[in-house]
């Protein structure tokens, strides 16, 4: 099985490639990398990751029945 594994090599192309992200003077570089540095939660059963996690561990649900406005008239 592993004897069949080969390193990836892109196919050779003869025609020039057009970039999805054309670079022109003054343009924004959309290929910038993004780094996620934290986690936040805003939920009905807890604001903040610690409060939210504690509600989950305690089995506290924020789900409620949907009540139709028509039934209240």
PDB file of N, CA and C in Angstrom:
ATOM      1  N   UNK A   1       0.827  -1.194   0.000  1.00  0.00           N
ATOM      2  CA  UNK A   1       0.000   0.000   0.000  1.00  0.00           C
ATOM      3  C   UNK A   1       0.871   1.257   0.000  1.00  0.00           C
ATOM      4  N   UNK A   2       1.806   1.397   0.952  1.00  0.00           N
ATOM      5  CA  UNK A   2       2.625   2.601   1.044  1.00  0.00           C
ATOM      6  C   UNK A   2       3.648   2.689  -0.074  1.00  0.00           C
ATOM      7  N   UNK A   3       3.929   1.565  -0.706  1.00  0.00           N
ATOM      8  CA  UNK A   3       4.894   1.612  -1.807  1.00  0.00           C
ATOM      9  C   UNK A   3       4.328   2.359  -3.005  1.00  0.00           C
ATOM     10  N   UNK A   4       2.988   2.501  -3.050  1.00  0.00           N
ATOM     11  CA  UNK A   4       2.339   3.208  -4.157  1.00  0.00           C
ATOM     12  C   UNK A   4       2.241   4.712  -3.916  1.00  0.00           C
ATOM     13  N   UNK A   5       2.522   5.164  -2.721  1.00  0.00           N
ATOM     14  CA  UNK A   5       2.398   6.584  -2.388  1.00  0.00           C
ATOM     15  C   UNK A   5       3.544   7.347  -3.026  1.00  0.00           C
ATOM     16  N   UNK A   6       3.186   8.415  -3.751  1.00  0.00           N
ATOM     17  CA  UNK A   6       4.197   9.248  -4.407  1.00  0.00           C
ATOM     18  C   UNK A   6       4.023  10.687  -3.956  1.00  0.00           C
ATOM     19  N   UNK A   7       5.073  11.455  -3.937  1.00  0.00           N
ATOM     20  CA  UNK A   7       4.925  12.877  -3.594  1.00  0.00           C
ATOM     21  C   UNK A   7       4.093  13.591  -4.653  1.00  0.00           C
ATOM     22  N   UNK A   8       3.353  14.598  -4.216  1.00  0.00           N
ATOM     23  CA  UNK A   8       2.512  15.365  -5.132  1.00  0.00           C
ATOM     24  C   UNK A   8       3.372  16.225  -6.041  1.00  0.00           C
ATOM     25  N   UNK A   9       3.077  16.189  -7.311  1.00  0.00           N
ATOM     26  CA  UNK A   9       3.766  17.047  -8.280  1.00  0.00           C
ATOM     27  C   UNK A   9       2.708  17.614  -9.218  1.00  0.00           C
ATOM     28  N   UNK A  10       2.555  18.936  -9.274  1.00  0.00           N
ATOM     29  CA  UNK A  10       1.552  19.511 -10.169  1.00  0.00           C
ATOM     30  C   UNK A  10       1.894  19.222 -11.627  1.00  0.00           C
ATOM     31  N   UNK A  11       0.844  19.096 -12.420  1.00  0.00           N
ATOM     32  CA  UNK A  11       1.038  18.834 -13.846  1.00  0.00           C
ATOM     33  C   UNK A  11       1.662  20.055 -14.518  1.00  0.00           C
ATOM     34  N   UNK A  12       2.513  19.803 -15.481  1.00  0.00           N
ATOM     35  CA  UNK A  12       3.145  20.900 -16.229  1.00  0.00           C
ATOM     36  C   UNK A  12       2.101  21.566 -17.121  1.00  0.00           C
ATOM     37  N   UNK A  13       2.157  22.887 -17.214  1.00  0.00           N
ATOM     38  CA  UNK A  13       1.202  23.629 -18.046  1.00  0.00           C
ATOM     39  C   UNK A  13       1.972  24.443 -19.067  1.00  0.00           C
ATOM     40  N   UNK A  14       1.404  24.510 -20.242  1.00  0.00           N
ATOM     41  CA  UNK A  14       2.082  25.267 -21.287  1.00  0.00           C
ATOM     42  C   UNK A  14       1.546  26.691 -21.401  1.00  0.00           C
ATOM     43  N   UNK A  15       0.272  26.912 -21.040  1.00  0.00           N
ATOM     44  CA  UNK A  15      -0.293  28.258 -21.164  1.00  0.00           C
ATOM     45  C   UNK A  15      -0.084  29.036 -19.869  1.00  0.00           C
ATOM     46  N   UNK A  16       0.005  30.353 -19.944  1.00  0.00           N
ATOM     47  CA  UNK A  16       0.182  31.160 -18.731  1.00  0.00           C
ATOM     48  C   UNK A  16      -1.069  31.097 -17.859  1.00  0.00           C
ATOM     49  N   UNK A  17      -0.888  31.209 -16.557  1.00  0.00           N
ATOM     50  CA  UNK A  17      -1.998  31.150 -15.616  1.00  0.00           C
ATOM     51  C   UNK A  17      -2.446  32.554 -15.240  1.00  0.00           C
ATOM     52  N   UNK A  18      -3.752  32.720 -15.081  1.00  0.00           N
ATOM     53  CA  UNK A  18      -4.319  33.996 -14.647  1.00  0.00           C
ATOM     54  C   UNK A  18      -4.643  33.859 -13.168  1.00  0.00           C
ATOM     55  N   UNK A  19      -4.130  34.772 -12.379  1.00  0.00           N
ATOM     56  CA  UNK A  19      -4.329  34.717 -10.941  1.00  0.00           C
ATOM     57  C   UNK A  19      -5.757  35.096 -10.580  1.00  0.00           C
ATOM     58  N   UNK A  20      -6.296  34.435  -9.549  1.00  0.00           N
ATOM     59  CA  UNK A  20      -7.605  34.820  -9.024  1.00  0.00           C
ATOM     60  C   UNK A  20      -7.506  36.159  -8.300  1.00  0.00           C
ATOM     61  N   UNK A  21      -6.316  36.501  -7.858  1.00  0.00           N
ATOM     62  CA  UNK A  21      -6.085  37.712  -7.092  1.00  0.00           C
ATOM     63  C   UNK A  21      -5.119  38.613  -7.849  1.00  0.00           C
ATOM     64  N   UNK A  22      -5.621  39.370  -8.807  1.00  0.00           N
ATOM     65  CA  UNK A  22      -4.702  40.235  -9.556  1.00  0.00           C
ATOM     66  C   UNK A  22      -4.085  41.280  -8.637  1.00  0.00           C
ATOM     67  N   UNK A  23      -2.796  41.478  -8.795  1.00  0.00           N
ATOM     68  CA  UNK A  23      -2.095  42.457  -7.974  1.00  0.00           C
ATOM     69  C   UNK A  23      -1.851  43.709  -8.802  1.00  0.00           C
ATOM     70  N   UNK A  24      -2.484  44.774  -8.404  1.00  0.00           N
ATOM     71  CA  UNK A  24      -2.295  46.058  -9.066  1.00  0.00           C
ATOM     72  C   UNK A  24      -1.812  47.040  -8.017  1.00  0.00           C
ATOM     73  N   UNK A  25      -1.260  48.124  -8.468  1.00  0.00           N
ATOM     74  CA  UNK A  25      -0.740  49.118  -7.543  1.00  0.00           C
ATOM     75  C   UNK A  25      -1.863  49.646  -6.662  1.00  0.00           C
ATOM     76  N   UNK A  26      -1.659  49.608  -5.367  1.00  0.00           N
ATOM     77  CA  UNK A  26      -2.654  50.111  -4.424  1.00  0.00           C
ATOM     78  C   UNK A  26      -3.742  49.110  -4.084  1.00  0.00           C
ATOM     79  N   UNK A  27      -3.677  47.899  -4.617  1.00  0.00           N
ATOM     80  CA  UNK A  27      -4.721  46.922  -4.317  1.00  0.00           C
ATOM     81  C   UNK A  27      -4.461  46.264  -2.965  1.00  0.00           C
ATOM     82  N   UNK A  28      -5.497  45.707  -2.398  1.00  0.00           N
ATOM     83  CA  UNK A  28      -5.398  45.002  -1.129  1.00  0.00           C
ATOM     84  C   UNK A  28      -4.985  43.567  -1.425  1.00  0.00           C
ATOM     85  N   UNK A  29      -4.079  43.037  -0.641  1.00  0.00           N
ATOM     86  CA  UNK A  29      -3.656  41.649  -0.825  1.00  0.00           C
ATOM     87  C   UNK A  29      -4.634  40.752  -0.074  1.00  0.00           C
ATOM     88  N   UNK A  30      -5.530  40.085  -0.796  1.00  0.00           N
ATOM     89  CA  UNK A  30      -6.554  39.251  -0.186  1.00  0.00           C
ATOM     90  C   UNK A  30      -6.022  37.885   0.236  1.00  0.00           C
ATOM     91  N   UNK A  31      -4.753  37.621   0.024  1.00  0.00           N
ATOM     92  CA  UNK A  31      -4.170  36.349   0.422  1.00  0.00           C
ATOM     93  C   UNK A  31      -3.554  36.430   1.811  1.00  0.00           C
ATOM     94  N   UNK A  32      -3.829  37.503   2.534  1.00  0.00           N
ATOM     95  CA  UNK A  32      -3.276  37.649   3.878  1.00  0.00           C
ATOM     96  C   UNK A  32      -3.741  36.502   4.759  1.00  0.00           C
ATOM     97  N   UNK A  33      -2.923  36.141   5.713  1.00  0.00           N
ATOM     98  CA  UNK A  33      -3.279  35.077   6.639  1.00  0.00           C
ATOM     99  C   UNK A  33      -4.055  35.649   7.817  1.00  0.00           C
ATOM    100  N   UNK A  34      -4.889  34.823   8.393  1.00  0.00           N
ATOM    101  CA  UNK A  34      -5.694  35.209   9.544  1.00  0.00           C
ATOM    102  C   UNK A  34      -5.331  34.288  10.699  1.00  0.00           C
ATOM    103  N   UNK A  35      -5.198  34.860  11.878  1.00  0.00           N
ATOM    104  CA  UNK A  35      -4.890  34.073  13.065  1.00  0.00           C
ATOM    105  C   UNK A  35      -6.031  34.241  14.056  1.00  0.00           C
ATOM    106  N   UNK A  36      -6.582  33.131  14.513  1.00  0.00           N
ATOM    107  CA  UNK A  36      -7.629  33.165  15.530  1.00  0.00           C
ATOM    108  C   UNK A  36      -6.930  33.069  16.879  1.00  0.00           C
ATOM    109  N   UNK A  37      -7.140  34.082  17.718  1.00  0.00           N
ATOM    110  CA  UNK A  37      -6.396  34.147  18.976  1.00  0.00           C
ATOM    111  C   UNK A  37      -7.250  33.883  20.205  1.00  0.00           C
ATOM    112  N   UNK A  38      -8.529  33.658  20.026  1.00  0.00           N
ATOM    113  CA  UNK A  38      -9.358  33.427  21.200  1.00  0.00           C
ATOM    114  C   UNK A  38     -10.710  32.867  20.826  1.00  0.00           C
ATOM    115  N   UNK A  39     -11.520  32.661  21.844  1.00  0.00           N
ATOM    116  CA  UNK A  39     -12.846  32.103  21.664  1.00  0.00           C
ATOM    117  C   UNK A  39     -13.791  32.876  22.557  1.00  0.00           C
ATOM    118  N   UNK A  40     -14.924  33.241  22.024  1.00  0.00           N
ATOM    119  CA  UNK A  40     -15.926  33.924  22.813  1.00  0.00           C
ATOM    120  C   UNK A  40     -17.294  33.351  22.519  1.00  0.00           C
ATOM    121  N   UNK A  41     -18.158  33.353  23.513  1.00  0.00           N
ATOM    122  CA  UNK A  41     -19.509  32.824  23.349  1.00  0.00           C
ATOM    123  C   UNK A  41     -20.485  33.823  23.936  1.00  0.00           C
ATOM    124  N   UNK A  42     -21.532  34.106  23.177  1.00  0.00           N
ATOM    125  CA  UNK A  42     -22.665  34.869  23.686  1.00  0.00           C
ATOM    126  C   UNK A  42     -23.880  34.009  23.389  1.00  0.00           C
ATOM    127  N   UNK A  43     -24.432  33.389  24.422  1.00  0.00           N
ATOM    128  CA  UNK A  43     -25.546  32.459  24.257  1.00  0.00           C
ATOM    129  C   UNK A  43     -26.560  32.695  25.370  1.00  0.00           C
ATOM    130  N   UNK A  44     -27.799  32.278  25.163  1.00  0.00           N
ATOM    131  CA  UNK A  44     -28.816  32.480  26.201  1.00  0.00           C
ATOM    132  C   UNK A  44     -28.493  31.785  27.523  1.00  0.00           C
ATOM    133  N   UNK A  45     -27.717  30.708  27.481  1.00  0.00           N
ATOM    134  CA  UNK A  45     -27.403  30.000  28.725  1.00  0.00           C
ATOM    135  C   UNK A  45     -26.004  30.309  29.251  1.00  0.00           C
ATOM    136  N   UNK A  46     -25.381  31.346  28.750  1.00  0.00           N
ATOM    137  CA  UNK A  46     -24.084  31.743  29.284  1.00  0.00           C
ATOM    138  C   UNK A  46     -23.370  32.728  28.387  1.00  0.00           C
ATOM    139  N   UNK A  47     -22.849  33.779  28.982  1.00  0.00           N
ATOM    140  CA  UNK A  47     -22.051  34.745  28.237  1.00  0.00           C
ATOM    141  C   UNK A  47     -20.604  34.529  28.648  1.00  0.00           C
ATOM    142  N   UNK A  48     -19.780  34.226  27.674  1.00  0.00           N
ATOM    143  CA  UNK A  48     -18.392  33.870  27.936  1.00  0.00           C
ATOM    144  C   UNK A  48     -18.236  32.363  27.880  1.00  0.00           C
ATOM    145  N   UNK A  49     -17.055  31.930  27.486  1.00  0.00           N
ATOM    146  CA  UNK A  49     -16.859  30.489  27.281  1.00  0.00           C
ATOM    147  C   UNK A  49     -16.968  29.699  28.575  1.00  0.00           C
ATOM    148  N   UNK A  50     -16.508  30.265  29.689  1.00  0.00           N
ATOM    149  CA  UNK A  50     -16.575  29.535  30.957  1.00  0.00           C
ATOM    150  C   UNK A  50     -18.021  29.359  31.433  1.00  0.00           C
ATOM    151  N   UNK A  51     -18.809  30.426  31.388  1.00  0.00           N
ATOM    152  CA  UNK A  51     -20.212  30.340  31.810  1.00  0.00           C
ATOM    153  C   UNK A  51     -20.998  29.416  30.888  1.00  0.00           C
ATOM    154  N   UNK A  52     -20.734  29.501  29.603  1.00  0.00           N
ATOM    155  CA  UNK A  52     -21.416  28.644  28.636  1.00  0.00           C
ATOM    156  C   UNK A  52     -21.067  27.183  28.885  1.00  0.00           C
ATOM    157  N   UNK A  53     -19.781  26.896  29.105  1.00  0.00           N
ATOM    158  CA  UNK A  53     -19.348  25.517  29.335  1.00  0.00           C
ATOM    159  C   UNK A  53     -19.961  24.965  30.622  1.00  0.00           C
ATOM    160  N   UNK A  54     -19.979  25.766  31.679  1.00  0.00           N
ATOM    161  CA  UNK A  54     -20.566  25.315  32.943  1.00  0.00           C
ATOM    162  C   UNK A  54     -22.054  25.010  32.780  1.00  0.00           C
ATOM    163  N   UNK A  55     -22.763  25.809  31.994  1.00  0.00           N
ATOM    164  CA  UNK A  55     -24.182  25.539  31.737  1.00  0.00           C
ATOM    165  C   UNK A  55     -24.347  24.225  30.986  1.00  0.00           C
ATOM    166  N   UNK A  56     -23.467  23.967  30.028  1.00  0.00           N
ATOM    167  CA  UNK A  56     -23.536  22.701  29.295  1.00  0.00           C
ATOM    168  C   UNK A  56     -23.263  21.521  30.218  1.00  0.00           C
ATOM    169  N   UNK A  57     -22.227  21.638  31.040  1.00  0.00           N
ATOM    170  CA  UNK A  57     -21.859  20.555  31.959  1.00  0.00           C
ATOM    171  C   UNK A  57     -22.994  20.290  32.951  1.00  0.00           C
ATOM    172  N   UNK A  58     -23.653  21.359  33.399  1.00  0.00           N
ATOM    173  CA  UNK A  58     -24.750  21.225  34.360  1.00  0.00           C
ATOM    174  C   UNK A  58     -26.044  20.761  33.697  1.00  0.00           C
ATOM    175  N   UNK A  59     -26.054  20.674  32.374  1.00  0.00           N
ATOM    176  CA  UNK A  59     -27.254  20.232  31.663  1.00  0.00           C
ATOM    177  C   UNK A  59     -28.306  21.312  31.521  1.00  0.00           C
ATOM    178  N   UNK A  60     -27.918  22.564  31.714  1.00  0.00           N
ATOM    179  CA  UNK A  60     -28.872  23.668  31.583  1.00  0.00           C
ATOM    180  C   UNK A  60     -29.027  24.033  30.114  1.00  0.00           C
ATOM    181  N   UNK A  61     -30.233  23.934  29.639  1.00  0.00           N
ATOM    182  CA  UNK A  61     -30.511  24.253  28.245  1.00  0.00           C
ATOM    183  C   UNK A  61     -31.183  25.614  28.164  1.00  0.00           C
ATOM    184  N   UNK A  62     -30.918  26.319  27.109  1.00  0.00           N
ATOM    185  CA  UNK A  62     -31.576  27.602  26.882  1.00  0.00           C
ATOM    186  C   UNK A  62     -32.696  27.447  25.862  1.00  0.00           C
ATOM    187  N   UNK A  63     -32.940  26.233  25.418  1.00  0.00           N
ATOM    188  CA  UNK A  63     -34.003  25.988  24.435  1.00  0.00           C
ATOM    189  C   UNK A  63     -35.358  26.116  25.120  1.00  0.00           C
ATOM    190  N   UNK A  64     -36.258  26.762  24.470  1.00  0.00           N
ATOM    191  CA  UNK A  64     -37.610  26.950  24.993  1.00  0.00           C
ATOM    192  C   UNK A  64     -38.606  26.605  23.893  1.00  0.00           C
ATOM    193  N   UNK A  65     -39.826  26.357  24.296  1.00  0.00           N
ATOM    194  CA  UNK A  65     -40.883  26.107  23.316  1.00  0.00           C
ATOM    195  C   UNK A  65     -41.213  27.387  22.587  1.00  0.00           C
ATOM    196  N   UNK A  66     -41.513  27.245  21.337  1.00  0.00           N
ATOM    197  CA  UNK A  66     -41.918  28.405  20.545  1.00  0.00           C
ATOM    198  C   UNK A  66     -43.413  28.588  20.718  1.00  0.00           C
ATOM    199  N   UNK A  67     -43.817  29.765  21.117  1.00  0.00           N
ATOM    200  CA  UNK A  67     -45.234  30.056  21.314  1.00  0.00           C
ATOM    201  C   UNK A  67     -45.686  30.964  20.187  1.00  0.00           C
ATOM    202  N   UNK A  68     -46.725  30.553  19.518  1.00  0.00           N
ATOM    203  CA  UNK A  68     -47.240  31.336  18.406  1.00  0.00           C
ATOM    204  C   UNK A  68     -47.972  32.564  18.930  1.00  0.00           C
ATOM    205  N   UNK A  69     -47.794  33.676  18.267  1.00  0.00           N
ATOM    206  CA  UNK A  69     -48.498  34.905  18.625  1.00  0.00           C
ATOM    207  C   UNK A  69     -49.991  34.727  18.382  1.00  0.00           C
ATOM    208  N   UNK A  70     -50.350  33.955  17.396  1.00  0.00           N
ATOM    209  CA  UNK A  70     -51.773  33.731  17.079  1.00  0.00           C
ATOM    210  C   UNK A  70     -52.500  33.070  18.242  1.00  0.00           C
ATOM    211  N   UNK A  71     -51.830  32.201  18.984  1.00  0.00           N
ATOM    212  CA  UNK A  71     -52.472  31.520  20.110  1.00  0.00           C
ATOM    213  C   UNK A  71     -52.711  32.458  21.288  1.00  0.00           C
ATOM    214  N   UNK A  72     -52.035  33.568  21.324  1.00  0.00           N
ATOM    215  CA  UNK A  72     -52.164  34.492  22.453  1.00  0.00           C
ATOM    216  C   UNK A  72     -53.259  35.528  22.227  1.00  0.00           C
ATOM    217  N   UNK A  73     -53.785  35.642  21.032  1.00  0.00           N
ATOM    218  CA  UNK A  73     -54.812  36.659  20.760  1.00  0.00           C
ATOM    219  C   UNK A  73     -56.181  36.199  21.150  1.00  0.00           C
TER     220      UNK A  73
END
